[in-house]
C-alpha atoms as a PDB file:
ATOM      1  CA  UNK A   1       6.938 -51.456  -1.862  1.00  0.00           C
ATOM      2  CA  UNK A   2       5.032 -49.078  -0.854  1.00  0.00           C
ATOM      3  CA  UNK A   3       3.441 -45.692  -2.725  1.00  0.00           C
ATOM      4  CA  UNK A   4       3.921 -41.736  -1.495  1.00  0.00           C
ATOM      5  CA  UNK A   5       1.094 -39.907  -1.780  1.00  0.00           C
ATOM      6  CA  UNK A   6       0.568 -37.545  -5.101  1.00  0.00           C
ATOM      7  CA  UNK A   7       1.719 -34.165  -4.429  1.00  0.00           C
ATOM      8  CA  UNK A   8      -0.178 -31.359  -4.239  1.00  0.00           C
ATOM      9  CA  UNK A   9      -0.459 -29.806  -7.411  1.00  0.00           C
ATOM     10  CA  UNK A  10       1.362 -26.557  -7.521  1.00  0.00           C
ATOM     11  CA  UNK A  11       2.714 -26.975  -3.938  1.00  0.00           C
ATOM     12  CA  UNK A  12       6.412 -27.019  -3.702  1.00  0.00           C
ATOM     13  CA  UNK A  13       8.132 -30.549  -3.702  1.00  0.00           C
ATOM     14  CA  UNK A  14      10.809 -31.316  -0.465  1.00  0.00           C
ATOM     15  CA  UNK A  15      13.842 -30.775  -2.592  1.00  0.00           C
ATOM     16  CA  UNK A  16      12.462 -27.191  -3.429  1.00  0.00           C
ATOM     17  CA  UNK A  17      11.667 -25.778   0.131  1.00  0.00           C
ATOM     18  CA  UNK A  18      14.708 -23.974   0.717  1.00  0.00           C
ATOM     19  CA  UNK A  19      13.758 -22.097  -2.324  1.00  0.00           C
ATOM     20  CA  UNK A  20      10.241 -21.275  -1.432  1.00  0.00           C
ATOM     21  CA  UNK A  21      11.033 -17.533  -0.199  1.00  0.00           C
ATOM     22  CA  UNK A  22      12.685 -16.526  -3.436  1.00  0.00           C
ATOM     23  CA  UNK A  23       9.710 -18.335  -5.405  1.00  0.00           C
ATOM     24  CA  UNK A  24       7.022 -16.270  -3.060  1.00  0.00           C
ATOM     25  CA  UNK A  25       8.780 -12.905  -3.781  1.00  0.00           C
ATOM     26  CA  UNK A  26       9.396 -13.575  -7.438  1.00  0.00           C
ATOM     27  CA  UNK A  27       5.535 -14.131  -7.989  1.00  0.00           C
ATOM     28  CA  UNK A  28       4.841 -11.701  -5.216  1.00  0.00           C
ATOM     29  CA  UNK A  29       7.622  -8.992  -7.733  1.00  0.00           C
ATOM     30  CA  UNK A  30       5.383 -10.078 -10.720  1.00  0.00           C
ATOM     31  CA  UNK A  31       2.318  -9.413  -9.506  1.00  0.00           C
ATOM     32  CA  UNK A  32       2.808  -6.081  -8.435  1.00  0.00           C
ATOM     33  CA  UNK A  33       4.620  -5.352 -12.420  1.00  0.00           C
ATOM     34  CA  UNK A  34       1.224  -7.116 -13.622  1.00  0.00           C
ATOM     35  CA  UNK A  35      -0.991  -4.646 -11.848  1.00  0.00           C
ATOM     36  CA  UNK A  36       1.009  -1.898 -12.816  1.00  0.00           C
ATOM     37  CA  UNK A  37       0.585  -2.678 -16.175  1.00  0.00           C
ATOM     38  CA  UNK A  38      -2.789  -3.621 -16.402  1.00  0.00           C
ATOM     39  CA  UNK A  39      -4.674  -2.601 -13.538  1.00  0.00           C
ATOM     40  CA  UNK A  40      -6.241  -5.151 -11.532  1.00  0.00           C
ATOM     41  CA  UNK A  41      -9.323  -6.000 -13.695  1.00  0.00           C
ATOM     42  CA  UNK A  42      -7.065  -7.152 -16.725  1.00  0.00           C
ATOM     43  CA  UNK A  43      -4.489  -8.653 -14.550  1.00  0.00           C
ATOM     44  CA  UNK A  44      -4.957 -12.728 -14.134  1.00  0.00           C
ATOM     45  CA  UNK A  45      -3.448 -15.012 -11.945  1.00  0.00           C
ATOM     46  CA  UNK A  46      -2.309 -16.958 -15.317  1.00  0.00           C
ATOM     47  CA  UNK A  47      -0.976 -13.836 -16.265  1.00  0.00           C
ATOM     48  CA  UNK A  48       0.915 -13.469 -13.077  1.00  0.00           C
ATOM     49  CA  UNK A  49       2.557 -17.223 -13.101  1.00  0.00           C
ATOM     50  CA  UNK A  50       3.763 -16.729 -16.313  1.00  0.00           C
ATOM     51  CA  UNK A  51       5.668 -13.790 -15.485  1.00  0.00           C
ATOM     52  CA  UNK A  52       6.893 -14.597 -12.721  1.00  0.00           C
ATOM     53  CA  UNK A  53       8.156 -17.913 -14.773  1.00  0.00           C
ATOM     54  CA  UNK A  54       5.703 -20.905 -12.588  1.00  0.00           C
ATOM     55  CA  UNK A  55       2.780 -22.461 -12.581  1.00  0.00           C
ATOM     56  CA  UNK A  56      -0.445 -20.814 -12.134  1.00  0.00           C
ATOM     57  CA  UNK A  57      -0.934 -23.858  -8.962  1.00  0.00           C
ATOM     58  CA  UNK A  58       2.159 -22.208  -7.322  1.00  0.00           C
ATOM     59  CA  UNK A  59       0.361 -18.740  -7.047  1.00  0.00           C
ATOM     60  CA  UNK A  60      -2.939 -20.003  -5.398  1.00  0.00           C
ATOM     61  CA  UNK A  61      -0.462 -22.198  -3.267  1.00  0.00           C
ATOM     62  CA  UNK A  62       1.051 -19.179  -2.071  1.00  0.00           C
ATOM     63  CA  UNK A  63      -1.450 -16.652  -2.486  1.00  0.00           C
ATOM     64  CA  UNK A  64      -4.876 -17.879  -2.467  1.00  0.00           C
ATOM     65  CA  UNK A  65      -7.167 -15.535  -4.821  1.00  0.00           C
ATOM     66  CA  UNK A  66      -6.609 -13.211  -7.122  1.00  0.00           C
ATOM     67  CA  UNK A  67      -7.792 -10.316  -4.247  1.00  0.00           C
ATOM     68  CA  UNK A  68      -5.767 -12.043  -2.249  1.00  0.00           C
ATOM     69  CA  UNK A  69      -2.267 -11.337  -4.511  1.00  0.00           C
ATOM     70  CA  UNK A  70      -3.334  -7.863  -4.700  1.00  0.00           C
ATOM     71  CA  UNK A  71      -3.682  -7.838  -1.070  1.00  0.00           C
ATOM     72  CA  UNK A  72       0.019  -8.953  -0.750  1.00  0.00           C
ATOM     73  CA  UNK A  73       0.896  -6.495  -3.266  1.00  0.00           C
ATOM     74  CA  UNK A  74      -0.445  -3.669  -1.620  1.00  0.00           C
ATOM     75  CA  UNK A  75       0.962  -4.420   1.242  1.00  0.00           C
ATOM     76  CA  UNK A  76       4.556  -4.608  -0.549  1.00  0.00           C
ATOM     77  CA  UNK A  77       4.084  -1.220  -2.477  1.00  0.00           C
ATOM     78  CA  UNK A  78       2.587   0.280   0.727  1.00  0.00           C
ATOM     79  CA  UNK A  79       5.314  -1.158   3.078  1.00  0.00           C
ATOM     80  CA  UNK A  80       6.621   2.913   3.282  1.00  0.00           C
ATOM     81  CA  UNK A  81       3.780   4.309   3.931  1.00  0.00           C
ATOM     82  CA  UNK A  82       3.270   2.145   6.524  1.00  0.00           C
ATOM     83  CA  UNK A  83       5.600   3.279   8.911  1.00  0.00           C
ATOM     84  CA  UNK A  84       3.590   6.506   8.927  1.00  0.00           C
ATOM     85  CA  UNK A  85       2.176   6.243  12.181  1.00  0.00           C
ATOM     86  CA  UNK A  86       5.576   6.094  13.680  1.00  0.00           C
ATOM     87  CA  UNK A  87       6.110   9.782  12.640  1.00  0.00           C
ATOM     88  CA  UNK A  88       3.178  10.471  15.844  1.00  0.00           C
ATOM     89  CA  UNK A  89       4.547   7.849  18.411  1.00  0.00           C
ATOM     90  CA  UNK A  90       7.833   8.654  18.224  1.00  0.00           C
ATOM     91  CA  UNK A  91       7.686  12.290  19.127  1.00  0.00           C
ATOM     92  CA  UNK A  92       5.376  14.825  20.895  1.00  0.00           C
ATOM     93  CA  UNK A  93       1.646  16.023  19.491  1.00  0.00           C
ATOM     94  CA  UNK A  94       1.980  19.500  19.166  1.00  0.00           C
ATOM     95  CA  UNK A  95       4.427  18.839  15.846  1.00  0.00           C
ATOM     96  CA  UNK A  96       2.610  15.914  14.567  1.00  0.00           C
ATOM     97  CA  UNK A  97       1.200  17.870  11.914  1.00  0.00           C
ATOM     98  CA  UNK A  98       4.394  18.514  10.124  1.00  0.00           C
ATOM     99  CA  UNK A  99       5.912  14.986  11.236  1.00  0.00           C
ATOM    100  CA  UNK A 100       3.516  13.492   9.143  1.00  0.00           C
ATOM    101  CA  UNK A 101       2.714  15.645   6.320  1.00  0.00           C
ATOM    102  CA  UNK A 102       6.458  15.803   5.554  1.00  0.00           C
ATOM    103  CA  UNK A 103       6.701  12.211   5.940  1.00  0.00           C
ATOM    104  CA  UNK A 104       4.085  11.097   3.637  1.00  0.00           C
ATOM    105  CA  UNK A 105       5.140  14.042   1.040  1.00  0.00           C
ATOM    106  CA  UNK A 106       8.513  12.129   1.152  1.00  0.00           C
ATOM    107  CA  UNK A 107       7.286   8.516   0.066  1.00  0.00           C
ATOM    108  CA  UNK A 108       5.420  10.692  -3.098  1.00  0.00           C
ATOM    109  CA  UNK A 109       8.552  12.911  -3.963  1.00  0.00           C
ATOM    110  CA  UNK A 110      10.380   9.856  -3.892  1.00  0.00           C
ATOM    111  CA  UNK A 111      10.704   8.268  -7.798  1.00  0.00           C
ATOM    112  CA  UNK A 112      11.404   4.538  -6.275  1.00  0.00           C
ATOM    113  CA  UNK A 113       8.216   4.799  -3.911  1.00  0.00           C
ATOM    114  CA  UNK A 114       5.772   6.520  -5.848  1.00  0.00           C
ATOM    115  CA  UNK A 115       5.852   4.265  -9.053  1.00  0.00           C
ATOM    116  CA  UNK A 116       4.370   1.440  -7.107  1.00  0.00           C
ATOM    117  CA  UNK A 117       1.830   3.453  -5.101  1.00  0.00           C
ATOM    118  CA  UNK A 118       0.555   5.332  -8.349  1.00  0.00           C
ATOM    119  CA  UNK A 119      -0.241   1.737  -9.992  1.00  0.00           C
ATOM    120  CA  UNK A 120      -2.134   0.570  -6.647  1.00  0.00           C
ATOM    121  CA  UNK A 121      -4.238   3.663  -6.034  1.00  0.00           C
ATOM    122  CA  UNK A 122      -5.389   3.457 -10.054  1.00  0.00           C
ATOM    123  CA  UNK A 123      -6.236   0.018  -9.852  1.00  0.00           C
ATOM    124  CA  UNK A 124      -8.170   1.113  -6.092  1.00  0.00           C
ATOM    125  CA  UNK A 125     -10.050   4.215  -7.873  1.00  0.00           C
ATOM    126  CA  UNK A 126     -10.943   1.875 -11.105  1.00  0.00           C
ATOM    127  CA  UNK A 127     -12.183  -1.401  -9.440  1.00  0.00           C
ATOM    128  CA  UNK A 128     -14.517  -2.070  -6.011  1.00  0.00           C
ATOM    129  CA  UNK A 129     -12.478  -4.647  -5.201  1.00  0.00           C
ATOM    130  CA  UNK A 130      -9.482  -3.672  -5.226  1.00  0.00           C
ATOM    131  CA  UNK A 131     -10.762  -0.332  -3.593  1.00  0.00           C
ATOM    132  CA  UNK A 132     -11.892  -2.697  -0.354  1.00  0.00           C
ATOM    133  CA  UNK A 133      -8.453  -4.262  -0.156  1.00  0.00           C
ATOM    134  CA  UNK A 134      -7.031  -0.870  -0.579  1.00  0.00           C
ATOM    135  CA  UNK A 135      -9.552   0.454   2.355  1.00  0.00           C
ATOM    136  CA  UNK A 136      -8.957  -2.794   4.529  1.00  0.00           C
ATOM    137  CA  UNK A 137      -4.746  -2.309   4.390  1.00  0.00           C
ATOM    138  CA  UNK A 138      -5.250   1.333   5.190  1.00  0.00           C
ATOM    139  CA  UNK A 139      -8.100   1.256   8.233  1.00  0.00           C
ATOM    140  CA  UNK A 140      -5.886  -1.620   9.883  1.00  0.00           C
ATOM    141  CA  UNK A 141      -2.249  -0.463   9.306  1.00  0.00           C
ATOM    142  CA  UNK A 142      -2.044   3.253   9.304  1.00  0.00           C
ATOM    143  CA  UNK A 143      -5.323   4.983  10.264  1.00  0.00           C
ATOM    144  CA  UNK A 144      -6.144   2.519  13.860  1.00  0.00           C
ATOM    145  CA  UNK A 145      -2.432   3.398  14.708  1.00  0.00           C
ATOM    146  CA  UNK A 146      -2.625   6.937  14.470  1.00  0.00           C
ATOM    147  CA  UNK A 147      -6.232   6.834  16.301  1.00  0.00           C
ATOM    148  CA  UNK A 148      -4.235   4.463  19.315  1.00  0.00           C
ATOM    149  CA  UNK A 149      -1.843   7.378  20.016  1.00  0.00           C
ATOM    150  CA  UNK A 150      -4.394  10.481  19.455  1.00  0.00           C
ATOM    151  CA  UNK A 151      -6.293   9.049  22.448  1.00  0.00           C
ATOM    152  CA  UNK A 152      -9.305  11.106  22.068  1.00  0.00           C
ATOM    153  CA  UNK A 153     -12.685  10.221  21.925  1.00  0.00           C
ATOM    154  CA  UNK A 154     -12.827  10.942  18.206  1.00  0.00           C
ATOM    155  CA  UNK A 155      -9.507   9.884  17.270  1.00  0.00           C
ATOM    156  CA  UNK A 156     -10.387   7.857  14.668  1.00  0.00           C
ATOM    157  CA  UNK A 157     -12.406  10.645  12.964  1.00  0.00           C
ATOM    158  CA  UNK A 158      -9.519  12.442  13.358  1.00  0.00           C
ATOM    159  CA  UNK A 159      -7.216   9.909  11.700  1.00  0.00           C
ATOM    160  CA  UNK A 160      -9.244   9.545   8.646  1.00  0.00           C
ATOM    161  CA  UNK A 161      -9.867  13.527   8.305  1.00  0.00           C
ATOM    162  CA  UNK A 162      -5.815  14.096   8.437  1.00  0.00           C
ATOM    163  CA  UNK A 163      -5.872  10.861   5.905  1.00  0.00           C
ATOM    164  CA  UNK A 164      -7.872  12.770   3.482  1.00  0.00           C
ATOM    165  CA  UNK A 165      -5.942  15.378   3.252  1.00  0.00           C
ATOM    166  CA  UNK A 166      -3.032  13.988   2.797  1.00  0.00           C
ATOM    167  CA  UNK A 167      -4.654  11.502   0.676  1.00  0.00           C
ATOM    168  CA  UNK A 168      -6.824  13.980  -1.385  1.00  0.00           C
ATOM    169  CA  UNK A 169      -3.165  16.306  -1.607  1.00  0.00           C
ATOM    170  CA  UNK A 170      -1.295  13.431  -3.222  1.00  0.00           C
ATOM    171  CA  UNK A 171      -4.150  12.350  -5.607  1.00  0.00           C
ATOM    172  CA  UNK A 172      -4.608  15.802  -7.295  1.00  0.00           C
ATOM    173  CA  UNK A 173      -0.228  16.637  -6.767  1.00  0.00           C
ATOM    174  CA  UNK A 174       0.945  12.861  -8.472  1.00  0.00           C
ATOM    175  CA  UNK A 175      -1.952  11.039  -9.808  1.00  0.00           C
ATOM    176  CA  UNK A 176      -4.562  13.812 -11.977  1.00  0.00           C
ATOM    177  CA  UNK A 177      -1.391  16.130 -11.772  1.00  0.00           C
ATOM    178  CA  UNK A 178      -3.328  19.720 -11.086  1.00  0.00           C
ATOM    179  CA  UNK A 179      -1.358  22.664 -11.776  1.00  0.00           C
ATOM    180  CA  UNK A 180      -0.371  25.055 -10.048  1.00  0.00           C
ATOM    181  CA  UNK A 181      -0.305  22.178  -6.753  1.00  0.00           C
ATOM    182  CA  UNK A 182       1.619  19.517  -9.314  1.00  0.00           C
ATOM    183  CA  UNK A 183       4.732  22.157 -10.110  1.00  0.00           C
ATOM    184  CA  UNK A 184       4.751  23.682  -5.951  1.00  0.00           C
ATOM    185  CA  UNK A 185       7.682  23.612  -4.286  1.00  0.00           C
ATOM    186  CA  UNK A 186       7.197  20.869  -1.795  1.00  0.00           C
ATOM    187  CA  UNK A 187       8.417  22.447   1.490  1.00  0.00           C
ATOM    188  CA  UNK A 188       5.653  25.471   0.389  1.00  0.00           C
ATOM    189  CA  UNK A 189       3.055  22.235  -0.041  1.00  0.00           C
ATOM    190  CA  UNK A 190       4.297  21.046   3.984  1.00  0.00           C
ATOM    191  CA  UNK A 191       4.236  24.713   5.028  1.00  0.00           C
ATOM    192  CA  UNK A 192       0.274  25.263   3.839  1.00  0.00           C
ATOM    193  CA  UNK A 193      -0.783  21.508   4.748  1.00  0.00           C
ATOM    194  CA  UNK A 194       0.843  20.931   7.949  1.00  0.00           C
ATOM    195  CA  UNK A 195      -1.441  22.824  10.283  1.00  0.00           C
ATOM    196  CA  UNK A 196      -4.417  21.636   8.469  1.00  0.00           C
ATOM    197  CA  UNK A 197      -3.476  18.318   9.293  1.00  0.00           C
ATOM    198  CA  UNK A 198      -1.880  19.001  13.062  1.00  0.00           C
ATOM    199  CA  UNK A 199      -5.723  20.927  13.196  1.00  0.00           C
ATOM    200  CA  UNK A 200      -7.374  17.604  12.123  1.00  0.00           C
ATOM    201  CA  UNK A 201      -5.218  15.679  14.477  1.00  0.00           C
ATOM    202  CA  UNK A 202      -5.211  17.974  17.713  1.00  0.00           C
ATOM    203  CA  UNK A 203      -7.802  20.904  17.224  1.00  0.00           C
ATOM    204  CA  UNK A 204     -10.911  21.375  19.138  1.00  0.00           C
END
């Protein structure tokens, strides 16, 4: 009788392979909640595994290191923001400032999408590793796609300046909650901010 090779610790068995997507999703959701509640520094792979009801080795199997788990959690939380470049791609450039401003503000105004964003931003502000992951996601998934559509020599700088305007506004309004910006009507913010974003993207 031949012996089967021992299964690697934490790797899903063949019988449970059909459940792998659900297990992965459960780990990812637990990671997002742990990072939200504890921040990057105080979150551990062991804590994520406990919250998801799995062995820590299984977290490593699906995602790798804590940094990689965090990157996956960011991608999940930032999924709505990742659609921002479409507001540039799907219409004329002369109205892109308002479309982009309205889209980004809408994501932050929605409580369902604002909560995970707040958690991720707080982790990125307080930890260098989390900040590096955050920058990488924003640069590759949002800014470069914006820049490609502009087709200008300094397109990347333009996209970054527009993003800085929008991210800065979001930080002051939703994270730091500086008044009167925190309580201002969203339409008033769009009216004031959109021309500035438009100028960064297409101005001289």
